[in-house]
């Protein structure tokens, strides 16, 4: 059973998510927060497996807050459930450490599909989003396709690399040894089809939109 924490400043949203998951034996709601201050305090106390959060809450700094949360709680999966347009914020959120992005205009079916994917260790990105980028930039869409094939741990390593962390720092943050970090870097170079670390970091920053 996955422990879920809900962070949203709208009471109806918090209650709605809780009601939707109440009868699902795979999830347990262990806490809720309505602003950034509450969220940080509660995360330290509860250590959930999955955080469902709105990035536009009082006392929280949007995408930067997401990066901070993932740095402090690297093993926690984050599902962004937001009012912000998906085509602007989804890829940027994933690049910043989220495991998935669902707009509040999405159906219950899509939300539950995203949560299930994240709970299994995967990354959720709506297929329609890839189609949106196809008309804008074929090369970019190809990069998106490669990015979506990365494992959740590979994305965590990539996020830490792009923020300037050394192998030792990454090993400590993810509780793995430095040799394993090097192995992940080699895989990332191959999967993202780049030749060196500088290009790898540049590739990862392609996903900062908005």
N, C-alpha and C. Protein backbone atom coordinates (compact mmCIF):
# COMPACT_ATOMS: atom_id res chain seq x y z
N UNK A 1 0.84 -1.21 0.00
CA UNK A 1 0.00 0.00 0.00
C UNK A 1 0.87 1.25 0.00
N UNK A 2 0.58 2.17 -0.93
CA UNK A 2 1.35 3.40 -1.03
C UNK A 2 0.76 4.50 -0.15
N UNK A 3 1.63 5.16 0.60
CA UNK A 3 1.19 6.26 1.47
C UNK A 3 1.12 7.56 0.64
N UNK A 4 -0.06 8.18 0.66
CA UNK A 4 -0.31 9.37 -0.16
C UNK A 4 -0.46 10.61 0.71
N UNK A 5 0.17 11.70 0.28
CA UNK A 5 -0.03 13.00 0.93
C UNK A 5 -0.58 13.97 -0.11
N UNK A 6 -1.59 14.75 0.28
CA UNK A 6 -2.25 15.68 -0.65
C UNK A 6 -1.96 17.12 -0.22
N UNK A 7 -1.46 17.92 -1.15
CA UNK A 7 -1.18 19.33 -0.86
C UNK A 7 -1.91 20.21 -1.88
N UNK A 8 -2.94 20.91 -1.41
CA UNK A 8 -3.73 21.78 -2.29
C UNK A 8 -4.48 22.77 -1.42
N UNK A 9 -4.57 24.03 -1.88
CA UNK A 9 -5.22 25.05 -1.06
C UNK A 9 -6.73 25.10 -1.27
N UNK A 10 -7.27 24.22 -2.10
CA UNK A 10 -8.72 24.15 -2.28
C UNK A 10 -9.28 22.96 -1.49
N UNK A 11 -10.09 23.19 -0.47
CA UNK A 11 -10.64 22.11 0.34
C UNK A 11 -11.40 21.06 -0.48
N UNK A 12 -12.13 21.50 -1.49
CA UNK A 12 -12.91 20.57 -2.31
C UNK A 12 -11.98 19.61 -3.06
N UNK A 13 -10.85 20.13 -3.54
CA UNK A 13 -9.89 19.29 -4.25
C UNK A 13 -9.29 18.25 -3.31
N UNK A 14 -8.89 18.68 -2.12
CA UNK A 14 -8.32 17.74 -1.15
C UNK A 14 -9.32 16.64 -0.81
N UNK A 15 -10.56 17.04 -0.53
CA UNK A 15 -11.58 16.07 -0.18
C UNK A 15 -11.93 15.17 -1.36
N UNK A 16 -11.97 15.76 -2.55
CA UNK A 16 -12.30 14.99 -3.75
C UNK A 16 -11.29 13.88 -4.02
N UNK A 17 -10.01 14.21 -3.90
CA UNK A 17 -8.97 13.20 -4.12
C UNK A 17 -9.07 12.11 -3.05
N UNK A 18 -9.27 12.53 -1.81
CA UNK A 18 -9.38 11.56 -0.71
C UNK A 18 -10.56 10.60 -0.92
N UNK A 19 -11.69 11.15 -1.35
CA UNK A 19 -12.88 10.33 -1.59
C UNK A 19 -12.65 9.36 -2.76
N UNK A 20 -11.96 9.85 -3.78
CA UNK A 20 -11.69 9.03 -4.96
C UNK A 20 -10.81 7.82 -4.62
N UNK A 21 -9.91 8.01 -3.65
CA UNK A 21 -8.96 6.94 -3.31
C UNK A 21 -9.36 6.14 -2.08
N UNK A 22 -10.43 6.57 -1.43
CA UNK A 22 -10.83 5.98 -0.15
C UNK A 22 -11.03 4.48 -0.21
N UNK A 23 -11.65 3.99 -1.27
CA UNK A 23 -11.98 2.56 -1.36
C UNK A 23 -10.93 1.77 -2.14
N UNK A 24 -9.83 2.43 -2.50
CA UNK A 24 -8.77 1.75 -3.23
C UNK A 24 -7.74 1.20 -2.25
N UNK A 25 -7.63 -0.11 -2.21
CA UNK A 25 -6.76 -0.77 -1.23
C UNK A 25 -5.27 -0.53 -1.50
N UNK A 26 -4.95 0.03 -2.67
CA UNK A 26 -3.54 0.26 -3.01
C UNK A 26 -2.97 1.55 -2.41
N UNK A 27 -3.89 2.42 -1.90
CA UNK A 27 -3.44 3.72 -1.41
C UNK A 27 -3.99 4.03 -0.02
N UNK A 28 -3.20 4.77 0.74
CA UNK A 28 -3.63 5.22 2.06
C UNK A 28 -3.30 6.71 2.21
N UNK A 29 -4.31 7.54 2.46
CA UNK A 29 -4.10 8.97 2.65
C UNK A 29 -3.57 9.20 4.06
N UNK A 30 -2.33 9.72 4.16
CA UNK A 30 -1.74 9.87 5.49
C UNK A 30 -1.65 11.33 5.94
N UNK A 31 -2.03 12.26 5.05
CA UNK A 31 -1.99 13.66 5.47
C UNK A 31 -2.39 14.62 4.36
N UNK A 32 -2.70 15.87 4.77
CA UNK A 32 -3.09 16.91 3.82
C UNK A 32 -2.50 18.24 4.27
N UNK A 33 -2.26 19.12 3.31
CA UNK A 33 -1.75 20.46 3.62
C UNK A 33 -2.39 21.46 2.67
N UNK A 34 -2.60 22.70 3.15
CA UNK A 34 -3.22 23.71 2.28
C UNK A 34 -2.29 24.86 1.94
N UNK A 35 -1.01 24.76 2.36
CA UNK A 35 -0.02 25.77 1.96
C UNK A 35 1.39 25.19 2.08
N UNK A 36 2.35 25.94 1.58
CA UNK A 36 3.72 25.45 1.55
C UNK A 36 4.32 25.20 2.92
N UNK A 37 4.03 26.08 3.87
CA UNK A 37 4.58 25.92 5.22
C UNK A 37 4.12 24.61 5.85
N UNK A 38 2.82 24.33 5.73
CA UNK A 38 2.27 23.08 6.26
C UNK A 38 2.89 21.88 5.56
N UNK A 39 3.04 22.00 4.26
CA UNK A 39 3.56 20.90 3.46
C UNK A 39 4.95 20.48 3.92
N UNK A 40 5.87 21.43 4.03
CA UNK A 40 7.24 21.08 4.41
C UNK A 40 7.30 20.43 5.79
N UNK A 41 6.53 20.97 6.73
CA UNK A 41 6.53 20.42 8.08
C UNK A 41 5.97 19.00 8.08
N UNK A 42 4.86 18.80 7.37
CA UNK A 42 4.21 17.49 7.36
C UNK A 42 5.04 16.43 6.62
N UNK A 43 5.74 16.83 5.57
CA UNK A 43 6.55 15.85 4.84
C UNK A 43 7.65 15.27 5.72
N UNK A 44 8.23 16.10 6.55
CA UNK A 44 9.27 15.64 7.47
C UNK A 44 8.71 14.66 8.49
N UNK A 45 7.45 14.87 8.87
CA UNK A 45 6.82 14.02 9.90
C UNK A 45 6.25 12.72 9.33
N UNK A 46 5.75 12.77 8.08
CA UNK A 46 5.01 11.63 7.55
C UNK A 46 5.77 10.77 6.54
N UNK A 47 6.69 11.36 5.79
CA UNK A 47 7.47 10.66 4.76
C UNK A 47 6.59 9.78 3.86
N UNK A 48 5.73 10.39 3.06
CA UNK A 48 4.84 9.63 2.16
C UNK A 48 5.60 9.02 0.98
N UNK A 49 4.97 8.04 0.35
CA UNK A 49 5.54 7.45 -0.87
C UNK A 49 5.26 8.35 -2.07
N UNK A 50 4.05 8.95 -2.07
CA UNK A 50 3.63 9.79 -3.19
C UNK A 50 3.03 11.09 -2.67
N UNK A 51 3.48 12.20 -3.24
CA UNK A 51 2.92 13.51 -2.93
C UNK A 51 2.10 13.99 -4.13
N UNK A 52 0.82 14.27 -3.91
CA UNK A 52 -0.02 14.86 -4.94
C UNK A 52 -0.12 16.34 -4.60
N UNK A 53 0.39 17.21 -5.48
CA UNK A 53 0.44 18.61 -5.10
C UNK A 53 0.09 19.58 -6.22
N UNK A 54 -0.47 20.71 -5.82
CA UNK A 54 -0.69 21.87 -6.69
C UNK A 54 0.54 22.76 -6.55
N UNK A 55 1.14 23.16 -7.68
CA UNK A 55 2.36 23.97 -7.59
C UNK A 55 2.06 25.45 -7.32
N UNK A 56 0.79 25.82 -7.41
CA UNK A 56 0.39 27.21 -7.18
C UNK A 56 -0.40 27.30 -5.88
N UNK A 57 0.31 27.22 -4.75
CA UNK A 57 -0.30 27.30 -3.43
C UNK A 57 0.31 28.47 -2.66
N UNK A 58 -0.39 28.95 -1.61
CA UNK A 58 0.21 29.99 -0.76
C UNK A 58 1.50 29.48 -0.11
N UNK A 59 2.45 30.36 0.08
CA UNK A 59 3.72 30.09 0.77
C UNK A 59 4.53 29.00 0.07
N UNK A 60 4.47 28.96 -1.23
CA UNK A 60 5.27 27.98 -1.96
C UNK A 60 5.70 28.60 -3.28
N UNK A 61 6.92 28.26 -3.71
CA UNK A 61 7.48 28.91 -4.89
C UNK A 61 7.47 28.00 -6.10
N UNK A 62 6.30 27.53 -6.48
CA UNK A 62 6.09 26.78 -7.70
C UNK A 62 7.11 25.72 -8.03
N UNK A 63 7.66 25.80 -9.25
CA UNK A 63 8.61 24.82 -9.74
C UNK A 63 9.86 24.75 -8.87
N UNK A 64 10.30 25.90 -8.36
CA UNK A 64 11.47 25.90 -7.48
C UNK A 64 11.21 25.10 -6.22
N UNK A 65 9.98 25.16 -5.71
CA UNK A 65 9.62 24.39 -4.53
C UNK A 65 9.67 22.89 -4.84
N UNK A 66 9.23 22.53 -6.03
CA UNK A 66 9.29 21.13 -6.45
C UNK A 66 10.73 20.63 -6.44
N UNK A 67 11.65 21.43 -6.97
CA UNK A 67 13.06 21.04 -6.99
C UNK A 67 13.58 20.86 -5.56
N UNK A 68 13.21 21.78 -4.67
CA UNK A 68 13.66 21.71 -3.27
C UNK A 68 13.12 20.46 -2.59
N UNK A 69 11.85 20.17 -2.83
CA UNK A 69 11.22 18.98 -2.23
C UNK A 69 11.92 17.71 -2.70
N UNK A 70 12.21 17.63 -4.00
CA UNK A 70 12.86 16.43 -4.52
C UNK A 70 14.30 16.30 -4.04
N UNK A 71 14.95 17.42 -3.78
CA UNK A 71 16.31 17.37 -3.24
C UNK A 71 16.29 16.84 -1.82
N UNK A 72 15.31 17.28 -1.04
CA UNK A 72 15.22 16.86 0.36
C UNK A 72 14.61 15.48 0.53
N UNK A 73 13.69 15.12 -0.39
CA UNK A 73 13.03 13.82 -0.30
C UNK A 73 13.15 13.10 -1.65
N UNK A 74 14.35 12.67 -2.01
CA UNK A 74 14.59 12.12 -3.35
C UNK A 74 13.82 10.85 -3.68
N UNK A 75 13.46 10.07 -2.68
CA UNK A 75 12.76 8.81 -2.94
C UNK A 75 11.25 8.99 -3.12
N UNK A 76 10.73 10.14 -2.73
CA UNK A 76 9.29 10.39 -2.81
C UNK A 76 8.89 10.71 -4.25
N UNK A 77 7.82 10.08 -4.74
CA UNK A 77 7.32 10.38 -6.07
C UNK A 77 6.35 11.57 -5.96
N UNK A 78 6.36 12.44 -6.95
CA UNK A 78 5.49 13.62 -6.92
C UNK A 78 4.60 13.66 -8.15
N UNK A 79 3.30 13.76 -7.92
CA UNK A 79 2.33 13.95 -9.01
C UNK A 79 1.81 15.38 -8.91
N UNK A 80 2.07 16.17 -9.93
CA UNK A 80 1.56 17.54 -9.96
C UNK A 80 0.13 17.49 -10.51
N UNK A 81 -0.81 18.05 -9.74
CA UNK A 81 -2.22 18.13 -10.13
C UNK A 81 -2.58 19.60 -10.07
N UNK A 82 -2.56 20.26 -11.23
CA UNK A 82 -2.54 21.72 -11.22
C UNK A 82 -3.53 22.39 -12.17
N UNK A 83 -3.81 23.64 -11.86
CA UNK A 83 -4.67 24.46 -12.73
C UNK A 83 -3.88 25.03 -13.90
N UNK A 84 -2.55 24.99 -13.83
CA UNK A 84 -1.73 25.56 -14.89
C UNK A 84 -1.82 24.74 -16.18
N UNK A 85 -1.71 25.39 -17.33
CA UNK A 85 -1.82 24.67 -18.62
C UNK A 85 -0.77 23.57 -18.74
N UNK A 86 -1.22 22.40 -19.12
CA UNK A 86 -0.34 21.24 -19.24
C UNK A 86 0.77 21.47 -20.25
N UNK A 87 0.42 22.10 -21.39
CA UNK A 87 1.41 22.27 -22.45
C UNK A 87 2.56 23.19 -22.05
N UNK A 88 2.36 23.99 -20.99
CA UNK A 88 3.41 24.90 -20.54
C UNK A 88 4.22 24.30 -19.40
N UNK A 89 3.55 23.63 -18.47
CA UNK A 89 4.21 23.23 -17.23
C UNK A 89 4.53 21.75 -17.08
N UNK A 90 3.93 20.88 -17.89
CA UNK A 90 4.10 19.44 -17.68
C UNK A 90 5.56 18.98 -17.79
N UNK A 91 6.20 19.28 -18.93
CA UNK A 91 7.57 18.83 -19.13
C UNK A 91 8.54 19.51 -18.17
N UNK A 92 8.27 20.78 -17.90
CA UNK A 92 9.12 21.50 -16.95
C UNK A 92 9.03 20.88 -15.57
N UNK A 93 7.82 20.46 -15.17
CA UNK A 93 7.64 19.82 -13.87
C UNK A 93 8.38 18.50 -13.78
N UNK A 94 8.30 17.71 -14.85
CA UNK A 94 8.98 16.42 -14.86
C UNK A 94 10.48 16.61 -14.82
N UNK A 95 10.97 17.59 -15.59
CA UNK A 95 12.40 17.88 -15.58
C UNK A 95 12.85 18.30 -14.18
N UNK A 96 11.98 18.92 -13.42
CA UNK A 96 12.31 19.41 -12.09
C UNK A 96 12.12 18.37 -11.00
N UNK A 97 11.72 17.17 -11.40
CA UNK A 97 11.66 16.09 -10.42
C UNK A 97 10.33 15.40 -10.25
N UNK A 98 9.26 15.95 -10.84
CA UNK A 98 7.94 15.31 -10.72
C UNK A 98 7.93 14.01 -11.51
N UNK A 99 7.10 13.07 -11.07
CA UNK A 99 6.97 11.80 -11.78
C UNK A 99 5.79 11.86 -12.75
N UNK A 100 4.96 12.90 -12.62
CA UNK A 100 3.83 13.02 -13.53
C UNK A 100 3.14 14.36 -13.38
N UNK A 101 2.35 14.71 -14.38
CA UNK A 101 1.61 15.98 -14.37
C UNK A 101 0.21 15.74 -14.92
N UNK A 102 -0.79 16.11 -14.13
CA UNK A 102 -2.18 15.99 -14.56
C UNK A 102 -2.87 17.33 -14.35
N UNK A 103 -3.45 17.91 -15.41
CA UNK A 103 -4.18 19.18 -15.24
C UNK A 103 -5.51 18.92 -14.56
N UNK A 104 -6.05 19.91 -13.90
CA UNK A 104 -7.32 19.73 -13.19
C UNK A 104 -8.52 19.63 -14.12
N UNK A 105 -8.27 19.80 -15.41
CA UNK A 105 -9.33 19.61 -16.40
C UNK A 105 -9.40 18.14 -16.84
N UNK A 106 -8.48 17.31 -16.36
CA UNK A 106 -8.44 15.90 -16.76
C UNK A 106 -9.58 15.11 -16.13
N UNK A 107 -9.87 13.96 -16.72
CA UNK A 107 -10.92 13.08 -16.20
C UNK A 107 -10.38 12.28 -15.01
N UNK A 108 -11.31 11.71 -14.25
CA UNK A 108 -10.95 10.84 -13.13
C UNK A 108 -10.11 9.67 -13.63
N UNK A 109 -10.47 9.15 -14.80
CA UNK A 109 -9.76 8.01 -15.38
C UNK A 109 -8.30 8.34 -15.63
N UNK A 110 -8.03 9.53 -16.18
CA UNK A 110 -6.66 9.96 -16.45
C UNK A 110 -5.88 10.13 -15.14
N UNK A 111 -6.52 10.74 -14.16
CA UNK A 111 -5.87 10.96 -12.86
C UNK A 111 -5.45 9.63 -12.24
N UNK A 112 -6.38 8.66 -12.22
CA UNK A 112 -6.09 7.36 -11.62
C UNK A 112 -5.03 6.59 -12.41
N UNK A 113 -5.05 6.76 -13.72
CA UNK A 113 -4.04 6.12 -14.57
C UNK A 113 -2.65 6.68 -14.25
N UNK A 114 -2.58 8.00 -14.08
CA UNK A 114 -1.32 8.66 -13.75
C UNK A 114 -0.80 8.18 -12.40
N UNK A 115 -1.69 8.12 -11.42
CA UNK A 115 -1.30 7.71 -10.08
C UNK A 115 -0.80 6.27 -10.07
N UNK A 116 -1.48 5.41 -10.81
CA UNK A 116 -1.08 4.00 -10.90
C UNK A 116 0.30 3.87 -11.53
N UNK A 117 0.53 4.64 -12.60
CA UNK A 117 1.82 4.61 -13.30
C UNK A 117 2.94 5.05 -12.38
N UNK A 118 2.70 6.11 -11.63
CA UNK A 118 3.70 6.65 -10.72
C UNK A 118 3.97 5.69 -9.57
N UNK A 119 2.92 5.07 -9.05
CA UNK A 119 3.05 4.12 -7.95
C UNK A 119 3.91 2.92 -8.34
N UNK A 120 3.89 2.58 -9.63
CA UNK A 120 4.69 1.46 -10.14
C UNK A 120 6.13 1.85 -10.43
N UNK A 121 6.42 3.15 -10.26
CA UNK A 121 7.79 3.61 -10.50
C UNK A 121 7.99 4.26 -11.85
N UNK A 122 6.90 4.45 -12.60
CA UNK A 122 6.99 5.02 -13.93
C UNK A 122 6.81 6.53 -13.95
N UNK A 123 6.85 7.07 -15.16
CA UNK A 123 6.65 8.50 -15.40
C UNK A 123 5.37 8.65 -16.22
N UNK A 124 4.50 9.59 -15.81
CA UNK A 124 3.26 9.80 -16.56
C UNK A 124 3.31 11.14 -17.28
N UNK A 125 3.14 11.07 -18.59
CA UNK A 125 3.04 12.27 -19.41
C UNK A 125 1.98 12.00 -20.47
N UNK A 126 0.96 12.82 -20.51
CA UNK A 126 -0.15 12.62 -21.43
C UNK A 126 0.32 12.54 -22.88
N UNK A 127 -0.16 11.53 -23.60
CA UNK A 127 0.24 11.35 -24.99
C UNK A 127 -0.14 12.56 -25.85
N UNK A 128 -1.23 13.22 -25.48
CA UNK A 128 -1.67 14.38 -26.26
C UNK A 128 -0.62 15.49 -26.24
N UNK A 129 0.14 15.55 -25.16
CA UNK A 129 1.17 16.58 -25.04
C UNK A 129 2.26 16.38 -26.09
N UNK A 130 2.66 15.13 -26.29
CA UNK A 130 3.65 14.83 -27.32
C UNK A 130 3.15 15.26 -28.69
N UNK A 131 1.86 15.03 -28.94
CA UNK A 131 1.27 15.43 -30.22
C UNK A 131 1.31 16.94 -30.40
N UNK A 132 1.11 17.66 -29.32
CA UNK A 132 1.13 19.12 -29.36
C UNK A 132 2.50 19.62 -29.82
N UNK A 133 3.56 18.97 -29.32
CA UNK A 133 4.91 19.41 -29.66
C UNK A 133 5.33 18.95 -31.05
N UNK A 134 4.67 17.93 -31.59
CA UNK A 134 5.02 17.43 -32.92
C UNK A 134 4.92 18.53 -33.97
N UNK A 135 3.87 19.33 -33.87
CA UNK A 135 3.65 20.38 -34.86
C UNK A 135 4.62 21.55 -34.69
N UNK A 136 5.25 21.63 -33.52
CA UNK A 136 6.16 22.75 -33.24
C UNK A 136 7.61 22.43 -33.58
N UNK A 137 8.03 21.23 -33.24
CA UNK A 137 9.45 20.94 -33.42
C UNK A 137 9.68 19.44 -33.41
N UNK A 138 9.98 18.89 -34.57
CA UNK A 138 10.16 17.44 -34.67
C UNK A 138 11.32 16.95 -33.83
N UNK A 139 12.42 17.70 -33.84
CA UNK A 139 13.58 17.32 -33.04
C UNK A 139 13.26 17.31 -31.55
N UNK A 140 12.50 18.28 -31.13
CA UNK A 140 12.12 18.37 -29.72
C UNK A 140 11.25 17.18 -29.34
N UNK A 141 10.33 16.80 -30.23
CA UNK A 141 9.46 15.67 -29.95
C UNK A 141 10.27 14.38 -29.85
N UNK A 142 11.29 14.25 -30.68
CA UNK A 142 12.16 13.09 -30.62
C UNK A 142 12.86 13.03 -29.26
N UNK A 143 13.28 14.18 -28.76
CA UNK A 143 13.92 14.24 -27.44
C UNK A 143 12.93 13.87 -26.35
N UNK A 144 11.69 14.33 -26.49
CA UNK A 144 10.64 13.99 -25.53
C UNK A 144 10.44 12.48 -25.50
N UNK A 145 10.41 11.88 -26.68
CA UNK A 145 10.22 10.44 -26.78
C UNK A 145 11.33 9.69 -26.06
N UNK A 146 12.58 10.12 -26.23
CA UNK A 146 13.70 9.48 -25.54
C UNK A 146 13.60 9.70 -24.04
N UNK A 147 13.22 10.91 -23.64
CA UNK A 147 13.12 11.25 -22.22
C UNK A 147 12.08 10.38 -21.52
N UNK A 148 10.97 10.13 -22.21
CA UNK A 148 9.88 9.35 -21.62
C UNK A 148 10.27 7.89 -21.39
N UNK A 149 11.32 7.44 -22.08
CA UNK A 149 11.75 6.04 -21.94
C UNK A 149 12.71 5.84 -20.76
N UNK A 150 13.11 6.93 -20.12
CA UNK A 150 14.00 6.82 -18.97
C UNK A 150 13.25 6.26 -17.77
N UNK A 151 13.96 5.52 -16.94
CA UNK A 151 13.35 5.02 -15.69
C UNK A 151 13.27 6.17 -14.69
N UNK A 152 12.50 5.98 -13.64
CA UNK A 152 12.36 7.04 -12.63
C UNK A 152 13.70 7.34 -11.96
N UNK A 153 14.52 6.31 -11.73
CA UNK A 153 15.83 6.54 -11.11
C UNK A 153 16.77 7.27 -12.06
N UNK A 154 16.70 6.95 -13.35
CA UNK A 154 17.53 7.65 -14.33
C UNK A 154 17.17 9.13 -14.39
N UNK A 155 15.88 9.43 -14.28
CA UNK A 155 15.45 10.83 -14.27
C UNK A 155 15.92 11.54 -13.00
N UNK A 156 15.90 10.83 -11.88
CA UNK A 156 16.39 11.42 -10.63
C UNK A 156 17.88 11.76 -10.76
N UNK A 157 18.65 10.84 -11.33
CA UNK A 157 20.09 11.09 -11.52
C UNK A 157 20.30 12.26 -12.48
N UNK A 158 19.52 12.30 -13.56
CA UNK A 158 19.63 13.38 -14.53
C UNK A 158 19.29 14.73 -13.90
N UNK A 159 18.24 14.77 -13.08
CA UNK A 159 17.86 16.01 -12.40
C UNK A 159 18.99 16.52 -11.51
N UNK A 160 19.61 15.60 -10.78
CA UNK A 160 20.69 15.99 -9.87
C UNK A 160 21.94 16.43 -10.64
N UNK A 161 22.22 15.74 -11.75
CA UNK A 161 23.35 16.14 -12.59
C UNK A 161 23.15 17.55 -13.15
N UNK A 162 21.93 17.82 -13.62
CA UNK A 162 21.65 19.12 -14.24
C UNK A 162 21.65 20.26 -13.22
N UNK A 163 21.51 19.92 -11.94
CA UNK A 163 21.55 20.95 -10.90
C UNK A 163 22.97 21.14 -10.36
N UNK A 164 23.95 20.44 -11.00
CA UNK A 164 25.35 20.65 -10.64
C UNK A 164 25.91 19.71 -9.59
N UNK A 165 25.17 18.67 -9.23
CA UNK A 165 25.63 17.74 -8.20
C UNK A 165 26.73 16.83 -8.73
N UNK A 166 27.69 16.52 -7.85
CA UNK A 166 28.77 15.59 -8.20
C UNK A 166 28.30 14.16 -7.94
N UNK A 167 29.08 13.19 -8.45
CA UNK A 167 28.72 11.77 -8.26
C UNK A 167 28.52 11.42 -6.78
N UNK A 168 29.42 11.94 -5.95
CA UNK A 168 29.34 11.66 -4.52
C UNK A 168 28.04 12.20 -3.92
N UNK A 169 27.67 13.43 -4.32
CA UNK A 169 26.44 14.05 -3.82
C UNK A 169 25.22 13.24 -4.26
N UNK A 170 25.23 12.80 -5.52
CA UNK A 170 24.11 12.03 -6.06
C UNK A 170 24.00 10.70 -5.33
N UNK A 171 25.14 10.06 -5.10
CA UNK A 171 25.15 8.78 -4.39
C UNK A 171 24.55 8.92 -3.00
N UNK A 172 24.91 9.99 -2.30
CA UNK A 172 24.39 10.23 -0.95
C UNK A 172 22.89 10.53 -0.98
N UNK A 173 22.48 11.34 -1.96
CA UNK A 173 21.06 11.74 -2.04
C UNK A 173 20.15 10.55 -2.34
N UNK A 174 20.64 9.64 -3.17
CA UNK A 174 19.80 8.50 -3.61
C UNK A 174 20.13 7.21 -2.88
N UNK A 175 21.09 7.29 -1.94
CA UNK A 175 21.48 6.13 -1.13
C UNK A 175 22.00 4.98 -2.00
N UNK A 176 22.85 5.32 -2.96
CA UNK A 176 23.50 4.33 -3.81
C UNK A 176 24.99 4.62 -3.83
N UNK A 177 25.82 3.71 -4.38
CA UNK A 177 27.25 3.99 -4.38
C UNK A 177 27.66 4.75 -5.65
N UNK A 178 28.85 5.33 -5.62
CA UNK A 178 29.30 6.17 -6.73
C UNK A 178 29.45 5.40 -8.03
N UNK A 179 29.83 4.13 -7.93
CA UNK A 179 29.97 3.30 -9.12
C UNK A 179 28.62 3.15 -9.84
N UNK A 180 27.56 3.03 -9.04
CA UNK A 180 26.21 2.92 -9.61
C UNK A 180 25.82 4.22 -10.30
N UNK A 181 26.21 5.35 -9.72
CA UNK A 181 25.95 6.65 -10.34
C UNK A 181 26.61 6.72 -11.70
N UNK A 182 27.85 6.27 -11.78
CA UNK A 182 28.58 6.27 -13.05
C UNK A 182 27.87 5.39 -14.09
N UNK A 183 27.33 4.27 -13.62
CA UNK A 183 26.59 3.38 -14.52
C UNK A 183 25.35 4.08 -15.07
N UNK A 184 24.65 4.80 -14.20
CA UNK A 184 23.45 5.55 -14.64
C UNK A 184 23.84 6.63 -15.65
N UNK A 185 24.96 7.30 -15.42
CA UNK A 185 25.41 8.34 -16.34
C UNK A 185 25.68 7.75 -17.73
N UNK A 186 26.31 6.58 -17.75
CA UNK A 186 26.59 5.91 -19.03
C UNK A 186 25.29 5.57 -19.75
N UNK A 187 24.31 5.07 -19.00
CA UNK A 187 23.01 4.74 -19.58
C UNK A 187 22.32 5.98 -20.14
N UNK A 188 22.41 7.07 -19.39
CA UNK A 188 21.76 8.31 -19.82
C UNK A 188 22.38 8.84 -21.12
N UNK A 189 23.69 8.78 -21.20
CA UNK A 189 24.37 9.22 -22.42
C UNK A 189 23.89 8.42 -23.62
N UNK A 190 23.74 7.12 -23.41
CA UNK A 190 23.31 6.24 -24.50
C UNK A 190 21.85 6.47 -24.86
N UNK A 191 20.99 6.52 -23.84
CA UNK A 191 19.55 6.65 -24.09
C UNK A 191 19.17 8.01 -24.68
N UNK A 192 19.87 9.06 -24.26
CA UNK A 192 19.54 10.38 -24.77
C UNK A 192 20.39 10.75 -25.99
N UNK A 193 21.24 9.80 -26.39
CA UNK A 193 22.03 9.95 -27.62
C UNK A 193 22.91 11.20 -27.63
N UNK A 194 23.68 11.35 -26.54
CA UNK A 194 24.65 12.45 -26.46
C UNK A 194 26.01 11.86 -26.13
N UNK A 195 27.08 12.66 -26.35
CA UNK A 195 28.44 12.15 -26.24
C UNK A 195 29.16 12.51 -24.95
N UNK A 196 28.68 13.52 -24.25
CA UNK A 196 29.39 13.94 -23.04
C UNK A 196 28.42 14.53 -22.02
N UNK A 197 28.95 14.80 -20.83
CA UNK A 197 28.12 15.29 -19.72
C UNK A 197 27.52 16.65 -20.02
N UNK A 198 28.29 17.53 -20.66
CA UNK A 198 27.78 18.88 -20.98
C UNK A 198 26.56 18.79 -21.89
N UNK A 199 26.64 17.92 -22.91
CA UNK A 199 25.51 17.75 -23.81
C UNK A 199 24.33 17.10 -23.11
N UNK A 200 24.65 16.21 -22.17
CA UNK A 200 23.60 15.54 -21.40
C UNK A 200 22.80 16.56 -20.58
N UNK A 201 23.51 17.46 -19.93
CA UNK A 201 22.86 18.50 -19.12
C UNK A 201 22.06 19.44 -20.02
N UNK A 202 22.65 19.79 -21.17
CA UNK A 202 21.94 20.65 -22.12
C UNK A 202 20.65 19.97 -22.59
N UNK A 203 20.72 18.67 -22.85
CA UNK A 203 19.54 17.92 -23.28
C UNK A 203 18.46 17.97 -22.21
N UNK A 204 18.86 17.81 -20.95
CA UNK A 204 17.87 17.81 -19.86
C UNK A 204 17.19 19.16 -19.74
N UNK A 205 17.92 20.23 -20.05
CA UNK A 205 17.35 21.58 -19.92
C UNK A 205 16.43 21.96 -21.06
N UNK A 206 16.34 21.10 -22.05
CA UNK A 206 15.36 21.31 -23.13
C UNK A 206 13.94 21.24 -22.58
N UNK A 207 13.80 20.62 -21.38
CA UNK A 207 12.47 20.39 -20.84
C UNK A 207 12.02 21.50 -19.90
N UNK A 208 12.75 22.61 -19.89
CA UNK A 208 12.34 23.75 -19.08
C UNK A 208 11.54 24.72 -19.95
N UNK A 209 10.22 24.60 -19.88
CA UNK A 209 9.33 25.46 -20.66
C UNK A 209 8.62 26.44 -19.74
N UNK A 210 8.14 27.53 -20.34
CA UNK A 210 7.34 28.46 -19.56
C UNK A 210 8.19 29.51 -18.90
